[in-house]
């Protein structure tokens, strides 16, 4: 499985990466720190899943999810956020 983690906080991105690899050692995980980089990376390399933080520096709140879905409608997205 190929997973893209999109989070601008390095410790959170690393924690999610480790958690995904713990579930299955064959899982390939890449990270992106902003939405623009995530969309570019996902368009170039096929991913099976995206873990998306809603607090990104270049896009706020649900706008990040809307842009991700508009750019890559077939990519399943799971929203992760430290904000309640």
PDB file of N, CA and C in Angstrom:
ATOM      1  N   UNK A   1       0.839  -1.177   0.000  1.00  0.00           N
ATOM      2  CA  UNK A   1       0.000   0.000   0.000  1.00  0.00           C
ATOM      3  C   UNK A   1       0.884   1.241   0.000  1.00  0.00           C
ATOM      4  N   UNK A   2       0.458   2.265  -0.730  1.00  0.00           N
ATOM      5  CA  UNK A   2       1.180   3.539  -0.804  1.00  0.00           C
ATOM      6  C   UNK A   2       0.325   4.620  -0.155  1.00  0.00           C
ATOM      7  N   UNK A   3       0.888   5.280   0.862  1.00  0.00           N
ATOM      8  CA  UNK A   3       0.151   6.283   1.622  1.00  0.00           C
ATOM      9  C   UNK A   3       0.884   7.617   1.561  1.00  0.00           C
ATOM     10  N   UNK A   4       0.113   8.680   1.357  1.00  0.00           N
ATOM     11  CA  UNK A   4       0.648  10.035   1.379  1.00  0.00           C
ATOM     12  C   UNK A   4       0.154  10.725   2.645  1.00  0.00           C
ATOM     13  N   UNK A   5       1.089  11.155   3.492  1.00  0.00           N
ATOM     14  CA  UNK A   5       0.768  11.892   4.714  1.00  0.00           C
ATOM     15  C   UNK A   5       1.010  13.372   4.431  1.00  0.00           C
ATOM     16  N   UNK A   6      -0.027  14.201   4.640  1.00  0.00           N
ATOM     17  CA  UNK A   6       0.082  15.630   4.383  1.00  0.00           C
ATOM     18  C   UNK A   6      -0.096  16.365   5.708  1.00  0.00           C
ATOM     19  N   UNK A   7       1.010  16.852   6.253  1.00  0.00           N
ATOM     20  CA  UNK A   7       0.987  17.562   7.531  1.00  0.00           C
ATOM     21  C   UNK A   7       2.199  18.467   7.601  1.00  0.00           C
ATOM     22  N   UNK A   8       2.005  19.697   8.054  1.00  0.00           N
ATOM     23  CA  UNK A   8       3.119  20.649   8.102  1.00  0.00           C
ATOM     24  C   UNK A   8       3.923  20.558   9.394  1.00  0.00           C
ATOM     25  N   UNK A   9       3.483  19.754  10.338  1.00  0.00           N
ATOM     26  CA  UNK A   9       4.233  19.561  11.579  1.00  0.00           C
ATOM     27  C   UNK A   9       5.066  18.286  11.449  1.00  0.00           C
ATOM     28  N   UNK A  10       6.394  18.405  11.390  1.00  0.00           N
ATOM     29  CA  UNK A  10       7.253  17.242  11.165  1.00  0.00           C
ATOM     30  C   UNK A  10       7.046  16.100  12.160  1.00  0.00           C
ATOM     31  N   UNK A  11       6.831  16.408  13.435  1.00  0.00           N
ATOM     32  CA  UNK A  11       6.651  15.336  14.415  1.00  0.00           C
ATOM     33  C   UNK A  11       5.355  14.567  14.176  1.00  0.00           C
ATOM     34  N   UNK A  12       4.290  15.275  13.823  1.00  0.00           N
ATOM     35  CA  UNK A  12       3.014  14.605  13.536  1.00  0.00           C
ATOM     36  C   UNK A  12       3.128  13.773  12.260  1.00  0.00           C
ATOM     37  N   UNK A  13       3.769  14.322  11.232  1.00  0.00           N
ATOM     38  CA  UNK A  13       3.952  13.580   9.985  1.00  0.00           C
ATOM     39  C   UNK A  13       4.753  12.308  10.234  1.00  0.00           C
ATOM     40  N   UNK A  14       5.803  12.431  11.039  1.00  0.00           N
ATOM     41  CA  UNK A  14       6.629  11.256  11.353  1.00  0.00           C
ATOM     42  C   UNK A  14       5.842  10.237  12.171  1.00  0.00           C
ATOM     43  N   UNK A  15       5.049  10.693  13.127  1.00  0.00           N
ATOM     44  CA  UNK A  15       4.245   9.775  13.944  1.00  0.00           C
ATOM     45  C   UNK A  15       3.239   9.009  13.087  1.00  0.00           C
ATOM     46  N   UNK A  16       2.596   9.697  12.154  1.00  0.00           N
ATOM     47  CA  UNK A  16       1.651   9.031  11.257  1.00  0.00           C
ATOM     48  C   UNK A  16       2.365   8.045  10.340  1.00  0.00           C
ATOM     49  N   UNK A  17       3.529   8.435   9.864  1.00  0.00           N
ATOM     50  CA  UNK A  17       4.325   7.556   9.004  1.00  0.00           C
ATOM     51  C   UNK A  17       4.701   6.272   9.749  1.00  0.00           C
ATOM     52  N   UNK A  18       5.188   6.411  10.972  1.00  0.00           N
ATOM     53  CA  UNK A  18       5.573   5.246  11.774  1.00  0.00           C
ATOM     54  C   UNK A  18       4.354   4.365  12.059  1.00  0.00           C
ATOM     55  N   UNK A  19       3.233   4.988  12.390  1.00  0.00           N
ATOM     56  CA  UNK A  19       2.012   4.222  12.676  1.00  0.00           C
ATOM     57  C   UNK A  19       1.572   3.411  11.457  1.00  0.00           C
ATOM     58  N   UNK A  20       1.634   4.006  10.279  1.00  0.00           N
ATOM     59  CA  UNK A  20       1.215   3.294   9.067  1.00  0.00           C
ATOM     60  C   UNK A  20       2.165   2.143   8.747  1.00  0.00           C
ATOM     61  N   UNK A  21       3.453   2.355   8.947  1.00  0.00           N
ATOM     62  CA  UNK A  21       4.426   1.293   8.681  1.00  0.00           C
ATOM     63  C   UNK A  21       4.339   0.176   9.716  1.00  0.00           C
ATOM     64  N   UNK A  22       3.915   0.512  10.924  1.00  0.00           N
ATOM     65  CA  UNK A  22       3.750  -0.497  11.968  1.00  0.00           C
ATOM     66  C   UNK A  22       2.629  -1.462  11.609  1.00  0.00           C
ATOM     67  N   UNK A  23       1.597  -0.953  10.960  1.00  0.00           N
ATOM     68  CA  UNK A  23       0.471  -1.793  10.567  1.00  0.00           C
ATOM     69  C   UNK A  23       0.872  -2.818   9.510  1.00  0.00           C
ATOM     70  N   UNK A  24       1.771  -2.406   8.622  1.00  0.00           N
ATOM     71  CA  UNK A  24       2.216  -3.289   7.543  1.00  0.00           C
ATOM     72  C   UNK A  24       3.585  -2.811   7.075  1.00  0.00           C
ATOM     73  N   UNK A  25       4.602  -3.628   7.291  1.00  0.00           N
ATOM     74  CA  UNK A  25       5.976  -3.233   6.933  1.00  0.00           C
ATOM     75  C   UNK A  25       6.154  -2.988   5.432  1.00  0.00           C
ATOM     76  N   UNK A  26       5.288  -3.542   4.614  1.00  0.00           N
ATOM     77  CA  UNK A  26       5.396  -3.358   3.172  1.00  0.00           C
ATOM     78  C   UNK A  26       4.796  -2.028   2.713  1.00  0.00           C
ATOM     79  N   UNK A  27       4.187  -1.290   3.627  1.00  0.00           N
ATOM     80  CA  UNK A  27       3.574  -0.020   3.282  1.00  0.00           C
ATOM     81  C   UNK A  27       4.646   1.013   2.948  1.00  0.00           C
ATOM     82  N   UNK A  28       4.432   1.724   1.851  1.00  0.00           N
ATOM     83  CA  UNK A  28       5.314   2.808   1.440  1.00  0.00           C
ATOM     84  C   UNK A  28       4.636   4.117   1.828  1.00  0.00           C
ATOM     85  N   UNK A  29       5.314   4.936   2.619  1.00  0.00           N
ATOM     86  CA  UNK A  29       4.739   6.196   3.088  1.00  0.00           C
ATOM     87  C   UNK A  29       5.620   7.360   2.633  1.00  0.00           C
ATOM     88  N   UNK A  30       4.977   8.377   2.072  1.00  0.00           N
ATOM     89  CA  UNK A  30       5.658   9.621   1.721  1.00  0.00           C
ATOM     90  C   UNK A  30       4.940  10.753   2.431  1.00  0.00           C
ATOM     91  N   UNK A  31       5.653  11.845   2.648  1.00  0.00           N
ATOM     92  CA  UNK A  31       5.053  12.988   3.328  1.00  0.00           C
ATOM     93  C   UNK A  31       5.169  14.248   2.487  1.00  0.00           C
ATOM     94  N   UNK A  32       4.233  15.166   2.741  1.00  0.00           N
ATOM     95  CA  UNK A  32       4.269  16.492   2.130  1.00  0.00           C
ATOM     96  C   UNK A  32       3.862  17.488   3.207  1.00  0.00           C
ATOM     97  N   UNK A  33       4.485  18.663   3.196  1.00  0.00           N
ATOM     98  CA  UNK A  33       4.237  19.648   4.230  1.00  0.00           C
ATOM     99  C   UNK A  33       3.217  20.710   3.882  1.00  0.00           C
ATOM    100  N   UNK A  34       2.730  20.683   2.643  1.00  0.00           N
ATOM    101  CA  UNK A  34       1.684  21.632   2.257  1.00  0.00           C
ATOM    102  C   UNK A  34       0.830  21.014   1.153  1.00  0.00           C
ATOM    103  N   UNK A  35      -0.296  21.645   0.884  1.00  0.00           N
ATOM    104  CA  UNK A  35      -1.253  21.068  -0.062  1.00  0.00           C
ATOM    105  C   UNK A  35      -0.726  21.066  -1.492  1.00  0.00           C
ATOM    106  N   UNK A  36      -0.067  22.138  -1.893  1.00  0.00           N
ATOM    107  CA  UNK A  36       0.459  22.212  -3.262  1.00  0.00           C
ATOM    108  C   UNK A  36       1.424  21.060  -3.539  1.00  0.00           C
ATOM    109  N   UNK A  37       2.357  20.836  -2.617  1.00  0.00           N
ATOM    110  CA  UNK A  37       3.313  19.738  -2.780  1.00  0.00           C
ATOM    111  C   UNK A  37       2.608  18.390  -2.765  1.00  0.00           C
ATOM    112  N   UNK A  38       1.595  18.254  -1.928  1.00  0.00           N
ATOM    113  CA  UNK A  38       0.857  16.988  -1.843  1.00  0.00           C
ATOM    114  C   UNK A  38       0.147  16.669  -3.154  1.00  0.00           C
ATOM    115  N   UNK A  39      -0.515  17.661  -3.720  1.00  0.00           N
ATOM    116  CA  UNK A  39      -1.235  17.436  -4.982  1.00  0.00           C
ATOM    117  C   UNK A  39      -0.262  17.102  -6.101  1.00  0.00           C
ATOM    118  N   UNK A  40       0.864  17.807  -6.160  1.00  0.00           N
ATOM    119  CA  UNK A  40       1.873  17.521  -7.189  1.00  0.00           C
ATOM    120  C   UNK A  40       2.423  16.107  -7.035  1.00  0.00           C
ATOM    121  N   UNK A  41       2.768  15.729  -5.815  1.00  0.00           N
ATOM    122  CA  UNK A  41       3.335  14.407  -5.564  1.00  0.00           C
ATOM    123  C   UNK A  41       2.318  13.310  -5.877  1.00  0.00           C
ATOM    124  N   UNK A  42       1.077  13.516  -5.452  1.00  0.00           N
ATOM    125  CA  UNK A  42       0.038  12.506  -5.675  1.00  0.00           C
ATOM    126  C   UNK A  42      -0.297  12.359  -7.159  1.00  0.00           C
ATOM    127  N   UNK A  43      -0.207  13.443  -7.911  1.00  0.00           N
ATOM    128  CA  UNK A  43      -0.478  13.374  -9.343  1.00  0.00           C
ATOM    129  C   UNK A  43       0.615  12.601 -10.074  1.00  0.00           C
ATOM    130  N   UNK A  44       1.844  12.650  -9.564  1.00  0.00           N
ATOM    131  CA  UNK A  44       2.970  11.974 -10.206  1.00  0.00           C
ATOM    132  C   UNK A  44       3.081  10.513  -9.806  1.00  0.00           C
ATOM    133  N   UNK A  45       2.764  10.211  -8.558  1.00  0.00           N
ATOM    134  CA  UNK A  45       2.908   8.852  -8.041  1.00  0.00           C
ATOM    135  C   UNK A  45       1.559   8.383  -7.523  1.00  0.00           C
ATOM    136  N   UNK A  46       1.173   7.199  -7.888  1.00  0.00           N
ATOM    137  CA  UNK A  46      -0.114   6.679  -7.449  1.00  0.00           C
ATOM    138  C   UNK A  46      -0.109   6.299  -5.982  1.00  0.00           C
ATOM    139  N   UNK A  47      -1.045   6.849  -5.237  1.00  0.00           N
ATOM    140  CA  UNK A  47      -1.194   6.499  -3.831  1.00  0.00           C
ATOM    141  C   UNK A  47      -2.531   5.806  -3.630  1.00  0.00           C
ATOM    142  N   UNK A  48      -2.581   4.956  -2.614  1.00  0.00           N
ATOM    143  CA  UNK A  48      -3.802   4.248  -2.282  1.00  0.00           C
ATOM    144  C   UNK A  48      -4.621   4.991  -1.234  1.00  0.00           C
ATOM    145  N   UNK A  49      -3.975   5.906  -0.500  1.00  0.00           N
ATOM    146  CA  UNK A  49      -4.630   6.597   0.590  1.00  0.00           C
ATOM    147  C   UNK A  49      -3.883   7.882   0.905  1.00  0.00           C
ATOM    148  N   UNK A  50      -4.626   8.901   1.324  1.00  0.00           N
ATOM    149  CA  UNK A  50      -4.036  10.159   1.765  1.00  0.00           C
ATOM    150  C   UNK A  50      -4.532  10.460   3.174  1.00  0.00           C
ATOM    151  N   UNK A  51      -3.607  10.760   4.078  1.00  0.00           N
ATOM    152  CA  UNK A  51      -3.944  11.236   5.418  1.00  0.00           C
ATOM    153  C   UNK A  51      -3.694  12.739   5.396  1.00  0.00           C
ATOM    154  N   UNK A  52      -4.751  13.532   5.525  1.00  0.00           N
ATOM    155  CA  UNK A  52      -4.694  14.974   5.286  1.00  0.00           C
ATOM    156  C   UNK A  52      -5.007  15.776   6.538  1.00  0.00           C
ATOM    157  N   UNK A  53      -4.052  16.610   6.940  1.00  0.00           N
ATOM    158  CA  UNK A  53      -4.263  17.555   8.037  1.00  0.00           C
ATOM    159  C   UNK A  53      -5.023  18.755   7.489  1.00  0.00           C
ATOM    160  N   UNK A  54      -5.963  19.280   8.260  1.00  0.00           N
ATOM    161  CA  UNK A  54      -6.727  20.443   7.795  1.00  0.00           C
ATOM    162  C   UNK A  54      -6.068  21.769   8.142  1.00  0.00           C
ATOM    163  N   UNK A  55      -4.995  21.754   8.918  1.00  0.00           N
ATOM    164  CA  UNK A  55      -4.317  22.991   9.308  1.00  0.00           C
ATOM    165  C   UNK A  55      -3.026  23.191   8.549  1.00  0.00           C
ATOM    166  N   UNK A  56      -3.100  23.326   7.253  1.00  0.00           N
ATOM    167  CA  UNK A  56      -1.903  23.484   6.427  1.00  0.00           C
ATOM    168  C   UNK A  56      -1.602  24.958   6.181  1.00  0.00           C
ATOM    169  N   UNK A  57      -0.336  25.299   5.953  1.00  0.00           N
ATOM    170  CA  UNK A  57       0.031  26.715   5.790  1.00  0.00           C
ATOM    171  C   UNK A  57      -0.518  27.357   4.518  1.00  0.00           C
ATOM    172  N   UNK A  58      -0.765  26.580   3.476  1.00  0.00           N
ATOM    173  CA  UNK A  58      -1.209  27.159   2.209  1.00  0.00           C
ATOM    174  C   UNK A  58      -2.691  26.966   1.930  1.00  0.00           C
ATOM    175  N   UNK A  59      -3.418  26.452   2.909  1.00  0.00           N
ATOM    176  CA  UNK A  59      -4.836  26.197   2.713  1.00  0.00           C
ATOM    177  C   UNK A  59      -5.469  25.953   4.077  1.00  0.00           C
ATOM    178  N   UNK A  60      -6.623  26.525   4.323  1.00  0.00           N
ATOM    179  CA  UNK A  60      -7.195  26.408   5.655  1.00  0.00           C
ATOM    180  C   UNK A  60      -8.459  25.547   5.671  1.00  0.00           C
ATOM    181  N   UNK A  61      -8.641  24.837   6.764  1.00  0.00           N
ATOM    182  CA  UNK A  61      -9.864  24.093   7.017  1.00  0.00           C
ATOM    183  C   UNK A  61     -10.275  23.139   5.912  1.00  0.00           C
ATOM    184  N   UNK A  62     -11.577  23.107   5.682  1.00  0.00           N
ATOM    185  CA  UNK A  62     -12.128  22.168   4.709  1.00  0.00           C
ATOM    186  C   UNK A  62     -11.735  22.496   3.273  1.00  0.00           C
ATOM    187  N   UNK A  63     -11.222  23.685   3.047  1.00  0.00           N
ATOM    188  CA  UNK A  63     -10.755  24.051   1.708  1.00  0.00           C
ATOM    189  C   UNK A  63      -9.676  23.077   1.232  1.00  0.00           C
ATOM    190  N   UNK A  64      -8.830  22.614   2.146  1.00  0.00           N
ATOM    191  CA  UNK A  64      -7.785  21.646   1.788  1.00  0.00           C
ATOM    192  C   UNK A  64      -8.411  20.355   1.277  1.00  0.00           C
ATOM    193  N   UNK A  65      -9.421  19.876   1.975  1.00  0.00           N
ATOM    194  CA  UNK A  65     -10.105  18.657   1.550  1.00  0.00           C
ATOM    195  C   UNK A  65     -10.793  18.867   0.206  1.00  0.00           C
ATOM    196  N   UNK A  66     -11.458  19.993   0.033  1.00  0.00           N
ATOM    197  CA  UNK A  66     -12.148  20.279  -1.230  1.00  0.00           C
ATOM    198  C   UNK A  66     -11.164  20.315  -2.405  1.00  0.00           C
ATOM    199  N   UNK A  67     -10.021  20.962  -2.209  1.00  0.00           N
ATOM    200  CA  UNK A  67      -9.028  21.050  -3.285  1.00  0.00           C
ATOM    201  C   UNK A  67      -8.411  19.686  -3.587  1.00  0.00           C
ATOM    202  N   UNK A  68      -8.151  18.903  -2.554  1.00  0.00           N
ATOM    203  CA  UNK A  68      -7.589  17.564  -2.759  1.00  0.00           C
ATOM    204  C   UNK A  68      -8.578  16.700  -3.537  1.00  0.00           C
ATOM    205  N   UNK A  69      -9.849  16.735  -3.147  1.00  0.00           N
ATOM    206  CA  UNK A  69     -10.866  15.925  -3.821  1.00  0.00           C
ATOM    207  C   UNK A  69     -11.071  16.386  -5.259  1.00  0.00           C
ATOM    208  N   UNK A  70     -11.016  17.694  -5.502  1.00  0.00           N
ATOM    209  CA  UNK A  70     -11.188  18.213  -6.858  1.00  0.00           C
ATOM    210  C   UNK A  70     -10.014  17.817  -7.750  1.00  0.00           C
ATOM    211  N   UNK A  71      -8.814  17.818  -7.206  1.00  0.00           N
ATOM    212  CA  UNK A  71      -7.623  17.488  -7.985  1.00  0.00           C
ATOM    213  C   UNK A  71      -7.453  15.995  -8.199  1.00  0.00           C
ATOM    214  N   UNK A  72      -7.797  15.203  -7.194  1.00  0.00           N
ATOM    215  CA  UNK A  72      -7.593  13.746  -7.239  1.00  0.00           C
ATOM    216  C   UNK A  72      -8.843  13.040  -6.709  1.00  0.00           C
ATOM    217  N   UNK A  73      -9.925  13.030  -7.480  1.00  0.00           N
ATOM    218  CA  UNK A  73     -11.200  12.496  -6.990  1.00  0.00           C
ATOM    219  C   UNK A  73     -11.194  11.002  -6.659  1.00  0.00           C
ATOM    220  N   UNK A  74     -10.295  10.244  -7.233  1.00  0.00           N
ATOM    221  CA  UNK A  74     -10.260   8.795  -6.978  1.00  0.00           C
ATOM    222  C   UNK A  74      -9.436   8.422  -5.745  1.00  0.00           C
ATOM    223  N   UNK A  75      -8.695   9.367  -5.193  1.00  0.00           N
ATOM    224  CA  UNK A  75      -7.821   9.076  -4.057  1.00  0.00           C
ATOM    225  C   UNK A  75      -8.607   9.152  -2.750  1.00  0.00           C
ATOM    226  N   UNK A  76      -8.695   8.060  -2.010  1.00  0.00           N
ATOM    227  CA  UNK A  76      -9.364   8.105  -0.696  1.00  0.00           C
ATOM    228  C   UNK A  76      -8.585   9.013   0.250  1.00  0.00           C
ATOM    229  N   UNK A  77      -9.316   9.866   0.974  1.00  0.00           N
ATOM    230  CA  UNK A  77      -8.706  10.822   1.894  1.00  0.00           C
ATOM    231  C   UNK A  77      -9.282  10.640   3.295  1.00  0.00           C
ATOM    232  N   UNK A  78      -8.404  10.554   4.271  1.00  0.00           N
ATOM    233  CA  UNK A  78      -8.792  10.514   5.686  1.00  0.00           C
ATOM    234  C   UNK A  78      -8.302  11.815   6.297  1.00  0.00           C
ATOM    235  N   UNK A  79      -9.200  12.555   6.935  1.00  0.00           N
ATOM    236  CA  UNK A  79      -8.831  13.811   7.568  1.00  0.00           C
ATOM    237  C   UNK A  79      -8.283  13.526   8.962  1.00  0.00           C
ATOM    238  N   UNK A  80      -7.117  14.109   9.246  1.00  0.00           N
ATOM    239  CA  UNK A  80      -6.513  14.031  10.577  1.00  0.00           C
ATOM    240  C   UNK A  80      -6.249  15.463  11.019  1.00  0.00           C
ATOM    241  N   UNK A  81      -6.562  15.752  12.275  1.00  0.00           N
ATOM    242  CA  UNK A  81      -6.359  17.113  12.748  1.00  0.00           C
ATOM    243  C   UNK A  81      -6.246  17.125  14.255  1.00  0.00           C
ATOM    244  N   UNK A  82      -5.410  17.983  14.767  1.00  0.00           N
ATOM    245  CA  UNK A  82      -5.265  18.159  16.191  1.00  0.00           C
ATOM    246  C   UNK A  82      -6.235  19.193  16.728  1.00  0.00           C
ATOM    247  N   UNK A  83      -7.014  19.791  15.865  1.00  0.00           N
ATOM    248  CA  UNK A  83      -7.977  20.818  16.253  1.00  0.00           C
ATOM    249  C   UNK A  83      -9.353  20.185  16.345  1.00  0.00           C
ATOM    250  N   UNK A  84     -10.035  20.438  17.429  1.00  0.00           N
ATOM    251  CA  UNK A  84     -11.360  19.848  17.636  1.00  0.00           C
ATOM    252  C   UNK A  84     -12.483  20.696  17.155  1.00  0.00           C
TER     253      UNK A  84
END
